[in-house]
Amino acid sequence: MAEALSRAEIEEIVIENATKHEKYREALLADPKKTVETQLNNTLPENVTVEVVQETPNKIFIRLPHVVAEGAELSDEDLEQVAGGKDDTYSCNESIGGFNTRNEFSASVF
């Protein structure tokens, strides 16, 4: 089973692709949830929204991550998301650097 990506890893992949590919950036701004779902080849839960804001030379944004209260339990839906996974085996035997990781760019989001 493929290892699940953290939010930070997903964010890093999305930002890297948006920086390198103008059409991906446009798709991300137009329909962020669909674009991220396509990128991850997975469906996000219905109650999850994805917002994208673009900085300007005169305006920056600071993202504050969600902090789970100490002792809070995961809901059944959250547990299902954690327990689920995509059975996707692949080989990166010819990769140089990157520690055998895979970063795909889906052109079908345009």
N, C-alpha and C. Protein backbone atom coordinates (compact mmCIF):
# COMPACT_ATOMS: atom_id res chain seq x y z
N MET A 1 0.85 -1.17 0.00
CA MET A 1 0.00 0.00 0.00
C MET A 1 0.89 1.24 0.00
N ALA A 2 0.52 2.22 -0.81
CA ALA A 2 1.29 3.46 -0.88
C ALA A 2 1.15 4.24 0.42
N GLU A 3 2.21 4.90 0.80
CA GLU A 3 2.19 5.69 2.03
C GLU A 3 1.38 6.97 1.82
N ALA A 4 0.55 7.33 2.78
CA ALA A 4 -0.28 8.53 2.68
C ALA A 4 0.60 9.77 2.79
N LEU A 5 0.24 10.78 2.02
CA LEU A 5 0.96 12.05 2.07
C LEU A 5 0.40 12.93 3.18
N SER A 6 1.27 13.68 3.81
CA SER A 6 0.82 14.64 4.82
C SER A 6 0.29 15.88 4.11
N ARG A 7 -0.43 16.73 4.86
CA ARG A 7 -0.91 17.99 4.29
C ARG A 7 0.26 18.82 3.77
N ALA A 8 1.35 18.86 4.52
CA ALA A 8 2.52 19.64 4.11
C ALA A 8 3.10 19.11 2.80
N GLU A 9 3.14 17.80 2.65
CA GLU A 9 3.67 17.20 1.41
C GLU A 9 2.76 17.51 0.23
N ILE A 10 1.45 17.44 0.45
CA ILE A 10 0.50 17.77 -0.62
C ILE A 10 0.66 19.23 -1.00
N GLU A 11 0.74 20.09 -0.01
CA GLU A 11 0.91 21.52 -0.26
C GLU A 11 2.18 21.79 -1.06
N GLU A 12 3.25 21.12 -0.70
CA GLU A 12 4.53 21.29 -1.40
C GLU A 12 4.41 20.89 -2.87
N ILE A 13 3.75 19.77 -3.15
CA ILE A 13 3.57 19.30 -4.52
C ILE A 13 2.72 20.28 -5.30
N VAL A 14 1.61 20.73 -4.71
CA VAL A 14 0.70 21.66 -5.39
C VAL A 14 1.41 22.98 -5.69
N ILE A 15 2.10 23.53 -4.72
CA ILE A 15 2.80 24.81 -4.92
C ILE A 15 3.88 24.67 -5.99
N GLU A 16 4.62 23.57 -5.96
CA GLU A 16 5.68 23.37 -6.96
C GLU A 16 5.08 23.31 -8.36
N ASN A 17 4.00 22.55 -8.53
CA ASN A 17 3.37 22.46 -9.84
C ASN A 17 2.77 23.79 -10.27
N ALA A 18 2.15 24.52 -9.35
CA ALA A 18 1.55 25.82 -9.69
C ALA A 18 2.62 26.83 -10.07
N THR A 19 3.79 26.72 -9.48
CA THR A 19 4.89 27.62 -9.80
C THR A 19 5.46 27.33 -11.18
N LYS A 20 5.53 26.05 -11.53
CA LYS A 20 6.16 25.65 -12.80
C LYS A 20 5.20 25.65 -13.98
N HIS A 21 3.90 25.47 -13.74
CA HIS A 21 2.95 25.27 -14.84
C HIS A 21 1.80 26.28 -14.73
N GLU A 22 1.79 27.26 -15.63
CA GLU A 22 0.79 28.32 -15.59
C GLU A 22 -0.64 27.78 -15.71
N LYS A 23 -0.86 26.81 -16.59
CA LYS A 23 -2.21 26.26 -16.77
C LYS A 23 -2.67 25.53 -15.50
N TYR A 24 -1.76 24.89 -14.83
CA TYR A 24 -2.11 24.22 -13.56
C TYR A 24 -2.50 25.29 -12.53
N ARG A 25 -1.75 26.36 -12.48
CA ARG A 25 -2.05 27.47 -11.55
C ARG A 25 -3.44 28.03 -11.84
N GLU A 26 -3.75 28.24 -13.12
CA GLU A 26 -5.06 28.75 -13.50
C GLU A 26 -6.18 27.79 -13.08
N ALA A 27 -5.97 26.49 -13.30
CA ALA A 27 -6.96 25.49 -12.90
C ALA A 27 -7.12 25.47 -11.39
N LEU A 28 -6.03 25.61 -10.69
CA LEU A 28 -6.05 25.60 -9.23
C LEU A 28 -6.84 26.80 -8.69
N LEU A 29 -6.67 27.95 -9.30
CA LEU A 29 -7.41 29.14 -8.88
C LEU A 29 -8.89 29.04 -9.25
N ALA A 30 -9.19 28.41 -10.39
CA ALA A 30 -10.57 28.30 -10.86
C ALA A 30 -11.37 27.27 -10.07
N ASP A 31 -10.77 26.11 -9.80
CA ASP A 31 -11.48 25.03 -9.10
C ASP A 31 -10.47 24.25 -8.27
N PRO A 32 -10.11 24.79 -7.10
CA PRO A 32 -9.04 24.19 -6.31
C PRO A 32 -9.30 22.75 -5.87
N LYS A 33 -10.50 22.45 -5.43
CA LYS A 33 -10.77 21.10 -4.93
C LYS A 33 -10.65 20.07 -6.05
N LYS A 34 -11.25 20.36 -7.20
CA LYS A 34 -11.18 19.43 -8.33
C LYS A 34 -9.73 19.24 -8.78
N THR A 35 -8.98 20.34 -8.80
CA THR A 35 -7.58 20.27 -9.25
C THR A 35 -6.75 19.42 -8.29
N VAL A 36 -6.93 19.61 -7.00
CA VAL A 36 -6.19 18.82 -6.01
C VAL A 36 -6.61 17.35 -6.08
N GLU A 37 -7.90 17.10 -6.21
CA GLU A 37 -8.37 15.72 -6.33
C GLU A 37 -7.78 15.03 -7.56
N THR A 38 -7.75 15.76 -8.66
CA THR A 38 -7.17 15.20 -9.89
C THR A 38 -5.68 14.94 -9.69
N GLN A 39 -5.00 15.88 -9.06
CA GLN A 39 -3.57 15.74 -8.81
C GLN A 39 -3.28 14.51 -7.95
N LEU A 40 -4.11 14.30 -6.92
CA LEU A 40 -3.91 13.18 -5.99
C LEU A 40 -4.53 11.89 -6.49
N ASN A 41 -5.31 11.97 -7.57
CA ASN A 41 -6.03 10.82 -8.08
C ASN A 41 -6.88 10.20 -6.97
N ASN A 42 -7.58 11.08 -6.26
CA ASN A 42 -8.39 10.65 -5.12
C ASN A 42 -9.48 11.69 -4.90
N THR A 43 -10.53 11.29 -4.22
CA THR A 43 -11.63 12.21 -3.92
C THR A 43 -11.53 12.66 -2.47
N LEU A 44 -11.61 13.95 -2.26
CA LEU A 44 -11.62 14.48 -0.91
C LEU A 44 -13.03 14.35 -0.34
N PRO A 45 -13.16 14.22 0.96
CA PRO A 45 -14.49 14.13 1.56
C PRO A 45 -15.35 15.34 1.20
N GLU A 46 -16.67 15.12 1.10
CA GLU A 46 -17.59 16.18 0.73
C GLU A 46 -17.50 17.39 1.65
N ASN A 47 -17.23 17.14 2.94
CA ASN A 47 -17.20 18.25 3.91
C ASN A 47 -15.86 18.99 3.92
N VAL A 48 -14.94 18.62 3.06
CA VAL A 48 -13.64 19.30 2.98
C VAL A 48 -13.69 20.30 1.84
N THR A 49 -13.30 21.52 2.13
CA THR A 49 -13.19 22.54 1.09
C THR A 49 -11.72 22.88 0.89
N VAL A 50 -11.41 23.36 -0.29
CA VAL A 50 -10.04 23.75 -0.61
C VAL A 50 -10.09 25.18 -1.10
N GLU A 51 -9.36 26.05 -0.45
CA GLU A 51 -9.28 27.45 -0.85
C GLU A 51 -7.85 27.76 -1.27
N VAL A 52 -7.73 28.52 -2.33
CA VAL A 52 -6.42 28.94 -2.82
C VAL A 52 -6.44 30.46 -2.88
N VAL A 53 -5.44 31.07 -2.30
CA VAL A 53 -5.26 32.52 -2.40
C VAL A 53 -3.88 32.77 -2.98
N GLN A 54 -3.81 33.74 -3.83
CA GLN A 54 -2.54 34.04 -4.49
C GLN A 54 -1.97 35.32 -3.92
N GLU A 55 -0.75 35.27 -3.47
CA GLU A 55 -0.09 36.46 -2.95
C GLU A 55 0.20 37.43 -4.08
N THR A 56 0.36 38.68 -3.71
CA THR A 56 0.76 39.72 -4.65
C THR A 56 2.05 40.34 -4.12
N PRO A 57 2.67 41.20 -4.88
CA PRO A 57 3.89 41.83 -4.36
C PRO A 57 3.65 42.61 -3.07
N ASN A 58 2.40 43.07 -2.86
CA ASN A 58 2.11 43.90 -1.70
C ASN A 58 1.28 43.20 -0.63
N LYS A 59 1.00 41.93 -0.82
CA LYS A 59 0.16 41.22 0.14
C LYS A 59 0.64 39.79 0.31
N ILE A 60 0.86 39.41 1.58
CA ILE A 60 1.26 38.04 1.86
C ILE A 60 0.20 37.40 2.76
N PHE A 61 0.17 36.09 2.76
CA PHE A 61 -0.75 35.35 3.60
C PHE A 61 0.05 34.41 4.48
N ILE A 62 -0.37 34.28 5.70
CA ILE A 62 0.25 33.32 6.62
C ILE A 62 -0.80 32.28 6.95
N ARG A 63 -0.47 31.03 6.70
CA ARG A 63 -1.40 29.93 6.92
C ARG A 63 -1.20 29.39 8.32
N LEU A 64 -2.27 29.41 9.09
CA LEU A 64 -2.24 28.82 10.42
C LEU A 64 -2.88 27.44 10.33
N PRO A 65 -2.14 26.39 10.63
CA PRO A 65 -2.70 25.05 10.54
C PRO A 65 -3.73 24.79 11.63
N HIS A 66 -4.62 23.86 11.35
CA HIS A 66 -5.63 23.44 12.32
C HIS A 66 -4.91 22.76 13.49
N VAL A 67 -5.30 23.12 14.70
CA VAL A 67 -4.73 22.51 15.90
C VAL A 67 -5.83 21.69 16.57
N VAL A 68 -5.57 20.40 16.70
CA VAL A 68 -6.54 19.51 17.33
C VAL A 68 -6.40 19.66 18.84
N ALA A 69 -7.52 19.84 19.51
CA ALA A 69 -7.50 19.98 20.97
C ALA A 69 -6.97 18.69 21.60
N GLU A 70 -6.19 18.86 22.65
CA GLU A 70 -5.63 17.71 23.34
C GLU A 70 -6.77 16.81 23.83
N GLY A 71 -6.65 15.52 23.55
CA GLY A 71 -7.65 14.56 23.98
C GLY A 71 -8.81 14.41 23.01
N ALA A 72 -8.85 15.24 21.98
CA ALA A 72 -9.93 15.13 21.01
C ALA A 72 -9.78 13.85 20.22
N GLU A 73 -10.88 13.21 19.96
CA GLU A 73 -10.85 11.96 19.21
C GLU A 73 -11.23 12.23 17.76
N LEU A 74 -10.72 11.38 16.88
CA LEU A 74 -11.09 11.49 15.48
C LEU A 74 -12.50 10.96 15.27
N SER A 75 -13.23 11.60 14.38
CA SER A 75 -14.57 11.11 14.05
C SER A 75 -14.43 9.84 13.22
N ASP A 76 -15.53 9.11 13.07
CA ASP A 76 -15.51 7.90 12.24
C ASP A 76 -15.09 8.25 10.82
N GLU A 77 -15.55 9.39 10.33
CA GLU A 77 -15.19 9.82 8.99
C GLU A 77 -13.69 10.10 8.88
N ASP A 78 -13.14 10.77 9.90
CA ASP A 78 -11.70 11.03 9.91
C ASP A 78 -10.90 9.73 9.97
N LEU A 79 -11.36 8.81 10.80
CA LEU A 79 -10.67 7.51 10.91
C LEU A 79 -10.70 6.77 9.58
N GLU A 80 -11.82 6.85 8.88
CA GLU A 80 -11.93 6.19 7.58
C GLU A 80 -10.92 6.77 6.60
N GLN A 81 -10.73 8.10 6.65
CA GLN A 81 -9.76 8.74 5.76
C GLN A 81 -8.34 8.30 6.09
N VAL A 82 -8.06 8.16 7.37
CA VAL A 82 -6.72 7.74 7.79
C VAL A 82 -6.49 6.26 7.45
N ALA A 83 -7.50 5.45 7.65
CA ALA A 83 -7.37 4.01 7.43
C ALA A 83 -7.37 3.66 5.96
N GLY A 84 -8.03 4.50 5.14
CA GLY A 84 -8.10 4.21 3.71
C GLY A 84 -6.75 4.40 3.06
N GLY A 85 -6.67 4.03 1.84
CA GLY A 85 -5.42 4.22 1.11
C GLY A 85 -5.58 3.73 -0.30
N LYS A 86 -4.70 4.11 -1.12
CA LYS A 86 -4.74 3.72 -2.51
C LYS A 86 -3.68 2.66 -2.72
N ASP A 87 -4.10 1.52 -3.22
CA ASP A 87 -3.14 0.44 -3.50
C ASP A 87 -2.50 0.74 -4.84
N ASP A 88 -1.36 1.38 -4.82
CA ASP A 88 -0.72 1.85 -6.04
C ASP A 88 0.77 1.51 -5.94
N THR A 89 1.16 0.45 -6.57
CA THR A 89 2.57 0.07 -6.51
C THR A 89 3.26 0.56 -7.77
N TYR A 90 4.44 1.07 -7.62
CA TYR A 90 5.21 1.57 -8.74
C TYR A 90 6.68 1.48 -8.37
N SER A 91 7.50 1.62 -9.38
CA SER A 91 8.93 1.52 -9.17
C SER A 91 9.60 2.77 -9.73
N CYS A 92 10.52 3.30 -8.99
CA CYS A 92 11.28 4.47 -9.43
C CYS A 92 12.76 4.08 -9.51
N ASN A 93 13.02 2.94 -10.11
CA ASN A 93 14.38 2.41 -10.12
C ASN A 93 15.37 3.29 -10.88
N GLU A 94 14.87 4.10 -11.82
CA GLU A 94 15.78 4.91 -12.61
C GLU A 94 15.84 6.36 -12.12
N SER A 95 15.25 6.64 -10.97
CA SER A 95 15.24 8.01 -10.47
C SER A 95 16.61 8.39 -9.95
N ILE A 96 16.89 9.67 -10.08
CA ILE A 96 18.14 10.22 -9.57
C ILE A 96 17.76 11.22 -8.49
N GLY A 97 18.14 10.96 -7.27
CA GLY A 97 17.74 11.83 -6.17
C GLY A 97 16.28 11.60 -5.85
N GLY A 98 15.75 12.31 -4.93
CA GLY A 98 14.33 12.21 -4.62
C GLY A 98 13.96 11.00 -3.79
N PHE A 99 14.90 10.14 -3.51
CA PHE A 99 14.67 9.00 -2.64
C PHE A 99 13.50 8.14 -3.08
N ASN A 100 13.45 7.83 -4.39
CA ASN A 100 12.42 6.96 -4.97
C ASN A 100 11.00 7.47 -4.69
N THR A 101 10.80 8.75 -4.82
CA THR A 101 9.46 9.31 -4.69
C THR A 101 8.92 9.61 -6.07
N ARG A 102 7.60 9.78 -6.14
CA ARG A 102 6.98 10.06 -7.43
C ARG A 102 6.13 11.32 -7.30
N ASN A 103 6.31 12.24 -8.22
CA ASN A 103 5.52 13.46 -8.27
C ASN A 103 4.94 13.54 -9.68
N GLU A 104 3.63 13.36 -9.78
CA GLU A 104 2.99 13.38 -11.10
C GLU A 104 2.31 14.71 -11.33
N PHE A 105 2.31 15.12 -12.56
CA PHE A 105 1.58 16.30 -12.96
C PHE A 105 0.50 15.86 -13.93
N SER A 106 -0.74 16.13 -13.61
CA SER A 106 -1.86 15.70 -14.43
C SER A 106 -2.32 16.85 -15.31
N ALA A 107 -2.09 16.72 -16.60
CA ALA A 107 -2.51 17.75 -17.54
C ALA A 107 -4.01 17.73 -17.78
N SER A 108 -4.69 16.71 -17.30
CA SER A 108 -6.14 16.60 -17.54
C SER A 108 -6.94 17.58 -16.69
N VAL A 109 -6.31 18.34 -15.81
CA VAL A 109 -7.05 19.30 -15.00
C VAL A 109 -7.38 20.57 -15.77
N PHE A 110 -6.83 20.72 -16.95
CA PHE A 110 -7.05 21.96 -17.70
C PHE A 110 -8.33 21.92 -18.46
